[in-house]
């Protein structure tokens, strides 16, 4: 029986793993939200690891508000970098394999073709910078780790995300205005969970950085149209509008090459 610690258990991925936990073979799960395990507190991390001695730690804990990170970068770095460092150090002491979820936002979006795991990182916002710092801590501290970069993660069931926002607007019948100036690969959280499950079950044993996304290249505008159409709200008007200005710069093209 392997023990799997899941941090950030109340997020999209954490809740999805919990939903499908019985699909894992010979696995015992420990699900911890931020109240039970605050990854920014070293003593909290050490205590949980010492108590459970997990074989795997799936780190779903993250500061994910890209806009707010511009105003409070120290909070983003506290969770996405220093918190990840605490986890990595605990994993090293306890011989735990870390599975860490990262992001396409470690790239600047200027390449114009899909990013491979060997491409040079160059984040252009505070969120991306904090996530990259977390990656670097893991690589400096651990030999056995999986860093999974994914993109545009969404759940139809859990949390707040683009998919649910668009669906809510469609249900209300309001006009939907979305940018087409950013291109990426929307990734369903259930599919990401299956990728993680394959790692835990030994179907993907090569340690290091991985890229995983669903593969369909879309702009946010394209994705919104797809959501509306597939949900049967074809009378709802989806308008391309690039006038909305954000504090955080976003990569123009952050498609990940998921082939290994």
Protein backbone atom coordinates (compact mmCIF):
# COMPACT_ATOMS: atom_id res chain seq x y z
CA UNK A 1 0.00 0.00 0.00
CA UNK A 2 1.48 3.34 -1.04
CA UNK A 3 0.71 6.55 0.86
CA UNK A 4 -0.10 9.65 -1.19
CA UNK A 5 -0.22 13.09 0.39
CA UNK A 6 -2.26 15.64 -1.56
CA UNK A 7 -1.72 19.29 -0.67
CA UNK A 8 -4.17 22.00 -1.72
CA UNK A 9 -6.94 19.43 -1.47
CA UNK A 10 -9.74 21.98 -1.91
CA UNK A 11 -8.58 23.10 -5.35
CA UNK A 12 -9.73 21.84 -8.75
CA UNK A 13 -7.15 19.08 -9.03
CA UNK A 14 -7.19 18.10 -5.37
CA UNK A 15 -10.96 17.66 -5.38
CA UNK A 16 -10.81 15.73 -8.65
CA UNK A 17 -8.21 13.33 -7.25
CA UNK A 18 -10.42 12.88 -4.18
CA UNK A 19 -13.41 12.08 -6.40
CA UNK A 20 -11.47 9.37 -8.25
CA UNK A 21 -9.29 8.14 -5.35
CA UNK A 22 -10.81 4.66 -5.48
CA UNK A 23 -9.51 4.24 -9.03
CA UNK A 24 -5.93 4.15 -7.73
CA UNK A 25 -4.47 0.71 -7.06
CA UNK A 26 -3.23 -0.06 -3.53
CA UNK A 27 -3.17 3.59 -2.49
CA UNK A 28 -3.95 5.32 0.79
CA UNK A 29 -4.60 9.06 0.47
CA UNK A 30 -4.04 11.88 2.92
CA UNK A 31 -5.86 15.00 1.71
CA UNK A 32 -4.79 18.29 3.31
CA UNK A 33 -6.18 21.74 2.63
CA UNK A 34 -4.37 24.91 3.69
CA UNK A 35 -5.85 24.73 7.20
CA UNK A 36 -4.47 21.23 7.74
CA UNK A 37 -1.19 21.82 5.95
CA UNK A 38 0.09 25.33 5.32
CA UNK A 39 3.02 24.76 3.00
CA UNK A 40 4.45 28.20 3.83
CA UNK A 41 4.99 27.05 7.44
CA UNK A 42 8.04 24.81 7.63
CA UNK A 43 7.04 23.26 10.96
CA UNK A 44 3.57 22.44 9.60
CA UNK A 45 5.09 20.67 6.61
CA UNK A 46 7.63 18.76 8.70
CA UNK A 47 4.94 17.65 11.16
CA UNK A 48 2.62 16.26 8.48
CA UNK A 49 5.44 14.44 6.69
CA UNK A 50 6.76 12.98 9.91
CA UNK A 51 3.29 11.78 10.86
CA UNK A 52 2.30 10.16 7.56
CA UNK A 53 5.62 9.28 5.87
CA UNK A 54 4.10 9.55 2.37
CA UNK A 55 5.58 7.74 -0.62
CA UNK A 56 4.28 10.48 -2.95
CA UNK A 57 3.33 14.10 -2.43
CA UNK A 58 1.07 15.57 -5.11
CA UNK A 59 1.38 19.32 -4.67
CA UNK A 60 -1.83 21.01 -5.77
CA UNK A 61 -1.32 23.97 -3.40
CA UNK A 62 -0.67 27.21 -5.25
CA UNK A 63 -1.30 30.93 -5.40
CA UNK A 64 -3.09 31.18 -8.75
CA UNK A 65 -4.53 34.71 -8.97
CA UNK A 66 -2.44 36.09 -11.83
CA UNK A 67 -3.79 39.64 -11.51
CA UNK A 68 -3.45 39.95 -7.73
CA UNK A 69 0.09 38.61 -7.91
CA UNK A 70 1.12 41.86 -9.60
CA UNK A 71 0.00 43.80 -6.49
CA UNK A 72 1.20 41.30 -3.90
CA UNK A 73 4.13 39.38 -5.41
CA UNK A 74 5.47 38.52 -1.97
CA UNK A 75 2.35 36.40 -1.32
CA UNK A 76 2.69 34.61 -4.65
CA UNK A 77 6.35 33.84 -3.94
CA UNK A 78 5.57 32.78 -0.37
CA UNK A 79 3.29 30.00 -1.63
CA UNK A 80 4.60 29.16 -5.10
CA UNK A 81 8.30 29.35 -4.27
CA UNK A 82 9.08 29.23 -0.53
CA UNK A 83 6.19 26.86 0.19
CA UNK A 84 7.38 24.55 -2.56
CA UNK A 85 10.90 24.71 -1.11
CA UNK A 86 9.50 23.53 2.24
CA UNK A 87 7.79 20.60 0.51
CA UNK A 88 10.91 19.68 -1.44
CA UNK A 89 13.05 19.67 1.69
CA UNK A 90 10.51 17.50 3.52
CA UNK A 91 10.36 15.13 0.54
CA UNK A 92 14.15 14.78 0.62
CA UNK A 93 14.23 13.95 4.35
CA UNK A 94 11.36 11.47 4.09
CA UNK A 95 12.33 9.89 0.74
CA UNK A 96 9.04 11.07 -0.77
CA UNK A 97 8.61 11.49 -4.52
CA UNK A 98 7.23 14.94 -5.29
CA UNK A 99 4.69 15.47 -8.07
CA UNK A 100 4.40 19.22 -8.52
CA UNK A 101 1.94 21.08 -10.76
CA UNK A 102 3.43 24.03 -12.64
CA UNK A 103 2.35 26.25 -15.50
CA UNK A 104 2.81 27.39 -19.09
CA UNK A 105 3.32 30.89 -17.68
CA UNK A 106 6.99 30.14 -17.04
CA UNK A 107 7.40 31.04 -20.74
CA UNK A 108 7.13 34.48 -22.35
CA UNK A 109 4.92 33.40 -25.26
CA UNK A 110 7.18 34.82 -27.97
CA UNK A 111 8.35 31.55 -29.53
CA UNK A 112 5.31 31.05 -31.79
CA UNK A 113 5.57 27.25 -31.77
CA UNK A 114 4.87 24.76 -28.96
CA UNK A 115 7.26 24.91 -26.02
CA UNK A 116 9.34 21.82 -25.26
CA UNK A 117 10.68 20.93 -21.83
CA UNK A 118 14.12 22.08 -22.99
CA UNK A 119 13.08 25.59 -24.03
CA UNK A 120 14.41 28.55 -22.08
CA UNK A 121 12.00 29.92 -19.49
CA UNK A 122 11.28 33.65 -19.27
CA UNK A 123 8.13 34.49 -17.27
CA UNK A 124 6.63 37.92 -17.90
CA UNK A 125 4.41 38.25 -14.83
CA UNK A 126 4.84 37.79 -11.08
CA UNK A 127 2.78 34.61 -11.01
CA UNK A 128 4.97 32.98 -13.64
CA UNK A 129 8.12 34.15 -11.88
CA UNK A 130 6.96 32.68 -8.58
CA UNK A 131 6.09 29.34 -10.20
CA UNK A 132 9.47 29.18 -11.93
CA UNK A 133 11.26 29.85 -8.64
CA UNK A 134 9.37 26.92 -7.14
CA UNK A 135 10.53 24.71 -10.01
CA UNK A 136 14.11 25.79 -9.45
CA UNK A 137 13.95 24.96 -5.74
CA UNK A 138 12.71 21.45 -6.56
CA UNK A 139 15.50 20.85 -9.06
CA UNK A 140 18.13 22.14 -6.63
CA UNK A 141 16.91 20.00 -3.71
CA UNK A 142 15.57 16.75 -5.17
CA UNK A 143 16.70 13.99 -7.48
CA UNK A 144 13.33 12.22 -7.68
CA UNK A 145 10.57 14.58 -8.76
CA UNK A 146 7.99 15.22 -11.44
CA UNK A 147 7.30 18.83 -12.39
CA UNK A 148 4.19 18.84 -14.56
CA UNK A 149 3.64 22.05 -16.50
CA UNK A 150 0.06 22.34 -17.67
CA UNK A 151 -2.04 25.11 -19.20
CA UNK A 152 -5.45 26.76 -18.91
CA UNK A 153 -6.67 24.20 -16.38
CA UNK A 154 -10.42 23.96 -15.93
CA UNK A 155 -12.98 21.80 -14.16
CA UNK A 156 -16.62 21.52 -15.13
CA UNK A 157 -17.40 20.58 -11.54
CA UNK A 158 -15.02 22.21 -9.06
CA UNK A 159 -13.70 25.68 -8.28
CA UNK A 160 -13.72 28.94 -10.19
CA UNK A 161 -12.35 28.85 -13.72
CA UNK A 162 -12.84 30.17 -17.24
CA UNK A 163 -15.10 27.31 -18.29
CA UNK A 164 -17.56 27.85 -15.44
CA UNK A 165 -17.50 31.63 -15.86
CA UNK A 166 -18.40 31.39 -19.56
CA UNK A 167 -21.07 28.77 -18.89
CA UNK A 168 -22.63 30.96 -16.19
CA UNK A 169 -22.82 33.92 -18.58
CA UNK A 170 -24.29 31.73 -21.31
CA UNK A 171 -26.97 30.47 -18.93
CA UNK A 172 -27.87 34.07 -18.12
CA UNK A 173 -28.05 34.88 -21.84
CA UNK A 174 -25.64 37.82 -21.64
CA UNK A 175 -23.21 38.80 -24.36
CA UNK A 176 -19.75 37.32 -23.80
CA UNK A 177 -16.69 39.40 -24.69
CA UNK A 178 -13.36 37.57 -24.81
CA UNK A 179 -9.84 38.22 -26.10
CA UNK A 180 -8.30 36.27 -28.96
CA UNK A 181 -4.81 37.70 -28.37
CA UNK A 182 -3.72 34.75 -26.21
CA UNK A 183 -3.38 31.21 -27.55
CA UNK A 184 -2.89 28.04 -25.51
CA UNK A 185 -4.27 24.59 -24.78
CA UNK A 186 -7.26 24.37 -22.41
CA UNK A 187 -6.75 21.33 -20.20
CA UNK A 188 -9.49 19.42 -18.41
CA UNK A 189 -8.62 18.63 -14.82
CA UNK A 190 -9.89 15.05 -15.13
CA UNK A 191 -7.36 14.38 -17.89
CA UNK A 192 -4.56 15.93 -15.82
CA UNK A 193 -5.59 13.70 -12.90
CA UNK A 194 -5.26 10.65 -15.18
CA UNK A 195 -1.76 11.76 -16.16
CA UNK A 196 -0.82 12.06 -12.49
CA UNK A 197 -2.38 8.66 -11.79
CA UNK A 198 -0.21 7.06 -14.49
CA UNK A 199 2.88 8.44 -12.75
CA UNK A 200 1.80 7.10 -9.36
CA UNK A 201 1.05 3.70 -10.90
CA UNK A 202 4.47 3.49 -12.54
CA UNK A 203 3.43 4.01 -16.15
CA UNK A 204 5.63 7.10 -16.44
CA UNK A 205 8.91 6.58 -14.60
CA UNK A 206 11.26 9.15 -16.13
CA UNK A 207 11.84 11.84 -13.51
CA UNK A 208 12.08 15.53 -14.34
CA UNK A 209 10.00 18.17 -16.07
CA UNK A 210 6.91 17.11 -18.02
CA UNK A 211 4.49 19.01 -20.23
CA UNK A 212 0.88 17.94 -20.17
CA UNK A 213 -2.10 19.61 -21.85
CA UNK A 214 -5.10 18.37 -23.82
CA UNK A 215 -3.59 19.32 -27.15
CA UNK A 216 -6.27 21.42 -28.85
CA UNK A 217 -4.81 24.85 -29.65
CA UNK A 218 -7.32 27.64 -29.03
CA UNK A 219 -7.52 31.31 -28.18
CA UNK A 220 -9.66 32.31 -25.21
CA UNK A 221 -12.23 33.51 -27.76
CA UNK A 222 -12.20 30.14 -29.53
CA UNK A 223 -12.53 28.34 -26.21
CA UNK A 224 -15.48 30.50 -25.14
CA UNK A 225 -17.27 29.79 -28.43
CA UNK A 226 -16.63 26.08 -28.01
CA UNK A 227 -18.03 26.09 -24.45
CA UNK A 228 -21.15 27.94 -25.52
CA UNK A 229 -21.76 25.70 -28.53
CA UNK A 230 -21.15 22.41 -26.73
CA UNK A 231 -23.45 23.51 -23.90
CA UNK A 232 -26.29 24.18 -26.34
CA UNK A 233 -26.40 27.97 -26.03
CA UNK A 234 -25.86 28.78 -29.69
CA UNK A 235 -28.04 31.89 -29.50
CA UNK A 236 -25.64 33.53 -27.03
CA UNK A 237 -23.40 36.10 -28.70
CA UNK A 238 -19.64 35.62 -28.20
CA UNK A 239 -17.68 38.71 -29.26
CA UNK A 240 -13.94 39.06 -29.80
CA UNK A 241 -12.77 42.04 -27.74
CA UNK A 242 -9.11 42.81 -27.08
CA UNK A 243 -9.72 46.18 -25.45
CA UNK A 244 -9.68 44.87 -21.87
CA UNK A 245 -6.41 45.83 -20.17
CA UNK A 246 -4.94 43.65 -17.42
CA UNK A 247 -2.18 44.45 -14.93
CA UNK A 248 -0.41 41.18 -15.58
CA UNK A 249 1.13 40.53 -18.97
CA UNK A 250 0.07 37.21 -20.46
CA UNK A 251 2.04 35.04 -22.89
CA UNK A 252 0.64 35.47 -26.41
CA UNK A 253 1.35 31.87 -27.35
CA UNK A 254 1.91 29.39 -24.54
CA UNK A 255 1.14 26.08 -26.21
CA UNK A 256 3.05 23.23 -24.58
CA UNK A 257 4.55 20.33 -26.51
CA UNK A 258 3.26 17.33 -24.57
CA UNK A 259 5.09 14.69 -26.63
CA UNK A 260 7.85 12.92 -24.73
